Amino acid sequence: QVQLVESGGGLVQAGGSLRLSCAASGRTFSGYGMGWFRQAPGKEREFVASIWWSGTSTYYIDSVNARFTASRDNARNTVYLQMNSLKPEDTAVYYCAADLSRPFGARSPSEYAYWGQGTQVTVSS
């Protein structure tokens, strides 16, 4: 069992930055991959980024590559998503998720067993 709690969302102007945090409890945090997803109104949940259990490798979708950075601190059981140069199209509810079946985070939401409650990110133009 894994519990995930996100924080750090908010309202920011285009070009601004936010840092999302996802605190995990339960199963040993360093043993599994983590993913970040987002869901805008009327759209399906979209994969954004993933990070290996060790934090040594990350993967991003093209639209956020070079703007977003995923990282993790296994000592603090926390994963982060640093979001820079935010655009209005980044507006969505952002979720972290735990992929217990592999050391990295998969792209498909169906591969994730545990999800956080989500945090709203709104980027104004």
Protein backbone atom coordinates (compact mmCIF):
# COMPACT_ATOMS: atom_id res chain seq x y z
CA GLN A 1 0.00 0.00 0.00
CA VAL A 2 1.25 3.46 -0.94
CA GLN A 3 -0.22 6.83 -0.05
CA LEU A 4 0.67 9.85 -2.18
CA VAL A 5 0.01 13.49 -1.33
CA GLU A 6 0.74 16.26 -3.82
CA SER A 7 1.31 19.91 -3.09
CA GLY A 8 2.66 23.01 -4.77
CA GLY A 9 0.04 23.82 -7.36
CA GLY A 10 -1.40 27.28 -7.85
CA LEU A 11 -1.99 30.19 -10.19
CA VAL A 12 0.95 31.59 -12.13
CA GLN A 13 1.42 33.87 -15.09
CA ALA A 14 2.76 32.55 -18.37
CA GLY A 15 6.52 32.26 -18.21
CA GLY A 16 6.48 31.62 -14.48
CA SER A 17 7.50 28.59 -12.48
CA LEU A 18 6.02 26.17 -9.99
CA ARG A 19 7.43 23.21 -8.11
CA LEU A 20 5.15 20.32 -7.37
CA SER A 21 5.91 17.87 -4.58
CA CYS A 22 4.57 14.39 -4.02
CA ALA A 23 5.14 12.85 -0.61
CA ALA A 24 4.87 9.07 -0.38
CA SER A 25 4.26 6.79 2.58
CA GLY A 26 3.83 3.08 2.96
CA ARG A 27 5.92 0.77 0.84
CA THR A 28 9.67 1.42 0.50
CA PHE A 29 9.81 4.47 -1.73
CA SER A 30 13.14 3.75 -3.38
CA GLY A 31 11.90 0.50 -4.88
CA TYR A 32 9.66 1.74 -7.69
CA GLY A 33 9.26 4.20 -10.50
CA MET A 34 7.11 7.30 -10.31
CA GLY A 35 5.15 9.19 -12.89
CA TRP A 36 3.57 12.59 -13.30
CA PHE A 37 0.33 13.01 -15.22
CA ARG A 38 -2.04 15.86 -15.91
CA GLN A 39 -5.66 16.20 -16.87
CA ALA A 40 -7.21 19.30 -18.37
CA PRO A 41 -10.99 19.84 -18.39
CA GLY A 42 -12.67 17.69 -21.02
CA LYS A 43 -9.47 15.83 -21.84
CA GLU A 44 -8.02 12.46 -20.98
CA ARG A 45 -5.31 12.06 -18.39
CA GLU A 46 -1.96 12.68 -20.07
CA PHE A 47 1.47 11.31 -19.21
CA VAL A 48 3.93 14.13 -18.50
CA ALA A 49 7.10 12.65 -17.02
CA SER A 50 8.53 9.66 -15.24
CA ILE A 51 11.56 8.93 -13.12
CA TRP A 52 13.48 5.79 -12.27
CA TRP A 53 13.54 4.47 -8.70
CA SER A 54 17.13 5.73 -8.39
CA GLY A 55 16.38 9.13 -9.86
CA THR A 56 19.17 8.65 -12.38
CA SER A 57 16.93 8.63 -15.43
CA THR A 58 13.90 10.64 -16.42
CA TYR A 59 11.56 10.79 -19.40
CA TYR A 60 9.33 13.61 -20.65
CA ILE A 61 6.79 14.23 -23.31
CA ASP A 62 7.96 16.56 -26.05
CA SER A 63 5.74 19.45 -25.02
CA VAL A 64 7.40 19.79 -21.60
CA ASN A 65 10.91 18.62 -22.40
CA ALA A 66 13.52 21.25 -21.44
CA ARG A 67 10.90 23.10 -19.34
CA PHE A 68 9.98 20.50 -16.72
CA THR A 69 12.35 18.52 -14.53
CA ALA A 70 11.43 15.50 -12.45
CA SER A 71 13.55 14.56 -9.47
CA ARG A 72 13.25 12.54 -6.29
CA ASP A 73 14.70 12.43 -2.81
CA ASN A 74 14.41 8.87 -1.60
CA ALA A 75 15.56 9.86 1.88
CA ARG A 76 12.54 12.15 2.14
CA ASN A 77 10.18 9.82 0.23
CA THR A 78 9.35 12.67 -2.09
CA VAL A 79 9.28 13.21 -5.82
CA TYR A 80 9.27 16.64 -7.43
CA LEU A 81 8.26 18.25 -10.69
CA GLN A 82 9.94 21.58 -11.35
CA MET A 83 7.97 23.43 -14.02
CA ASN A 84 9.55 26.43 -15.72
CA SER A 85 8.47 28.65 -18.60
CA LEU A 86 4.88 27.67 -17.97
CA LYS A 87 2.33 28.13 -20.74
CA PRO A 88 -1.46 28.45 -20.60
CA GLU A 89 -1.72 25.01 -22.22
CA ASP A 90 -0.01 23.54 -19.15
CA THR A 91 -3.15 24.33 -17.14
CA ALA A 92 -4.47 21.10 -15.65
CA VAL A 93 -4.79 19.04 -12.51
CA TYR A 94 -1.45 17.35 -11.96
CA TYR A 95 -1.15 13.91 -10.41
CA CYS A 96 1.75 11.84 -9.21
CA ALA A 97 1.50 8.08 -9.37
CA ALA A 98 3.47 5.05 -8.22
CA ASP A 99 4.39 2.26 -10.64
CA LEU A 100 5.11 -0.66 -8.32
CA SER A 101 5.64 -3.16 -11.13
CA ARG A 102 8.83 -1.72 -12.60
CA PRO A 103 11.83 0.43 -11.57
CA PHE A 104 10.80 3.24 -13.93
CA GLY A 105 7.45 4.87 -14.51
CA ALA A 106 5.40 3.67 -17.46
CA ARG A 107 3.60 5.98 -19.89
CA SER A 108 0.19 4.40 -19.55
CA PRO A 109 -1.97 5.44 -16.58
CA SER A 110 -3.31 1.89 -16.35
CA GLU A 111 0.13 0.69 -15.21
CA TYR A 112 -0.03 2.71 -12.01
CA ALA A 113 -1.55 1.24 -8.89
CA TYR A 114 -1.52 4.31 -6.67
CA TRP A 115 -2.36 7.94 -7.29
CA GLY A 116 -2.27 11.17 -5.41
CA GLN A 117 -5.31 13.39 -5.04
CA GLY A 118 -4.11 15.90 -7.64
CA THR A 119 -3.10 19.54 -7.45
CA GLN A 120 -4.43 22.30 -9.69
CA VAL A 121 -2.02 24.26 -11.86
CA THR A 122 -3.44 27.29 -13.63
CA VAL A 123 -1.34 29.37 -16.00
CA SER A 124 -2.77 32.71 -17.06
CA SER A 125 -1.86 34.41 -20.32
